[in-house]
C-alpha atoms as a PDB file:
ATOM      1  CA  MET A   1      23.500  18.100 -24.924  1.00  0.00           C
ATOM      2  CA  GLU A   2      20.271  20.014 -24.924  1.00  0.00           C
ATOM      3  CA  ALA A   3      17.515  18.648 -27.178  1.00  0.00           C
ATOM      4  CA  ASN A   4      17.018  20.708 -30.327  1.00  0.00           C
ATOM      5  CA  ILE A   5      14.897  18.430 -32.549  1.00  0.00           C
ATOM      6  CA  GLY A   6      11.100  18.643 -32.564  1.00  0.00           C
ATOM      7  CA  LYS A   7       8.597  15.837 -33.078  1.00  0.00           C
ATOM      8  CA  THR A   8       7.991  16.429 -36.797  1.00  0.00           C
ATOM      9  CA  ASP A   9      11.708  16.824 -37.490  1.00  0.00           C
ATOM     10  CA  ARG A  10      12.368  13.607 -35.587  1.00  0.00           C
ATOM     11  CA  ILE A  11       9.823  11.640 -37.636  1.00  0.00           C
ATOM     12  CA  ILE A  12      11.262  12.993 -40.892  1.00  0.00           C
ATOM     13  CA  ARG A  13      14.771  11.997 -39.794  1.00  0.00           C
ATOM     14  CA  ILE A  14      13.667   8.467 -38.895  1.00  0.00           C
ATOM     15  CA  VAL A  15      11.896   7.961 -42.247  1.00  0.00           C
ATOM     16  CA  ALA A  16      14.779   9.462 -44.243  1.00  0.00           C
ATOM     17  CA  GLY A  17      17.323   7.406 -42.305  1.00  0.00           C
ATOM     18  CA  LEU A  18      15.435   4.173 -42.882  1.00  0.00           C
ATOM     19  CA  LEU A  19      15.031   4.929 -46.589  1.00  0.00           C
ATOM     20  CA  LEU A  20      18.740   5.643 -46.965  1.00  0.00           C
ATOM     21  CA  LEU A  21      19.675   2.594 -44.933  1.00  0.00           C
ATOM     22  CA  SER A  22      17.489   0.416 -47.146  1.00  0.00           C
ATOM     23  CA  LEU A  23      19.856   1.207 -50.035  1.00  0.00           C
ATOM     24  CA  VAL A  24      22.343  -1.167 -48.429  1.00  0.00           C
ATOM     25  CA  PHE A  25      19.942  -4.094 -48.782  1.00  0.00           C
ATOM     26  CA  ILE A  26      17.751  -3.269 -51.796  1.00  0.00           C
ATOM     27  CA  GLY A  27      18.137  -1.099 -54.851  1.00  0.00           C
ATOM     28  CA  PRO A  28      21.723  -0.358 -55.834  1.00  0.00           C
ATOM     29  CA  LYS A  29      23.097  -2.237 -52.768  1.00  0.00           C
ATOM     30  CA  THR A  30      25.729   0.371 -52.073  1.00  0.00           C
ATOM     31  CA  LEU A  31      27.425   1.250 -48.815  1.00  0.00           C
ATOM     32  CA  TRP A  32      26.394   4.886 -49.310  1.00  0.00           C
ATOM     33  CA  GLY A  33      23.153   3.836 -47.655  1.00  0.00           C
ATOM     34  CA  LEU A  34      25.034   3.789 -44.347  1.00  0.00           C
ATOM     35  CA  VAL A  35      24.735   7.589 -44.431  1.00  0.00           C
ATOM     36  CA  GLY A  36      21.211   6.869 -43.183  1.00  0.00           C
ATOM     37  CA  LEU A  37      22.685   6.089 -39.770  1.00  0.00           C
ATOM     38  CA  ILE A  38      23.336   9.800 -39.226  1.00  0.00           C
ATOM     39  CA  PRO A  39      19.703  10.999 -39.325  1.00  0.00           C
ATOM     40  CA  LEU A  40      18.658   7.921 -37.339  1.00  0.00           C
ATOM     41  CA  ALA A  41      21.233   8.615 -34.635  1.00  0.00           C
ATOM     42  CA  THR A  42      20.334  12.296 -34.364  1.00  0.00           C
ATOM     43  CA  ALA A  43      16.638  11.404 -34.172  1.00  0.00           C
ATOM     44  CA  PHE A  44      17.151   8.933 -31.347  1.00  0.00           C
ATOM     45  CA  ILE A  45      19.432  11.169 -29.266  1.00  0.00           C
ATOM     46  CA  ASN A  46      17.152  14.149 -30.034  1.00  0.00           C
ATOM     47  CA  PHE A  47      20.132  16.398 -30.755  1.00  0.00           C
ATOM     48  CA  CYS A  48      21.626  17.658 -34.018  1.00  0.00           C
ATOM     49  CA  PRO A  49      25.158  19.115 -33.857  1.00  0.00           C
ATOM     50  CA  ALA A  50      24.614  20.989 -37.152  1.00  0.00           C
ATOM     51  CA  TYR A  51      21.546  22.716 -35.684  1.00  0.00           C
ATOM     52  CA  LYS A  52      23.645  23.723 -32.680  1.00  0.00           C
ATOM     53  CA  LEU A  53      26.324  25.262 -34.909  1.00  0.00           C
ATOM     54  CA  LEU A  54      23.712  27.139 -36.952  1.00  0.00           C
ATOM     55  CA  GLY A  55      21.736  28.231 -33.890  1.00  0.00           C
ATOM     56  CA  MET A  56      18.630  26.390 -35.064  1.00  0.00           C
ATOM     57  CA  ASP A  57      16.001  24.695 -32.923  1.00  0.00           C
ATOM     58  CA  THR A  58      12.898  22.840 -34.133  1.00  0.00           C
ATOM     59  CA  LEU A  59      11.809  21.820 -30.659  1.00  0.00           C
ATOM     60  CA  GLY A  60       9.375  24.711 -30.370  1.00  0.00           C
ATOM     61  CA  LYS A  61       9.654  25.344 -26.660  1.00  0.00           C
END
């Protein structure tokens, strides 16, 4: 897997993932907050399969 996520994109994914994940513990307390694991995982492995399919790259080589 070749990295395709840039620094800014990575930070946005981490923040969005944490906000979504917080829905499990505060707010409506729904399991839909577990969707936040997806942006967190893609941020930490620095690869987004959807970007690969769409031919996108925010890494800015």
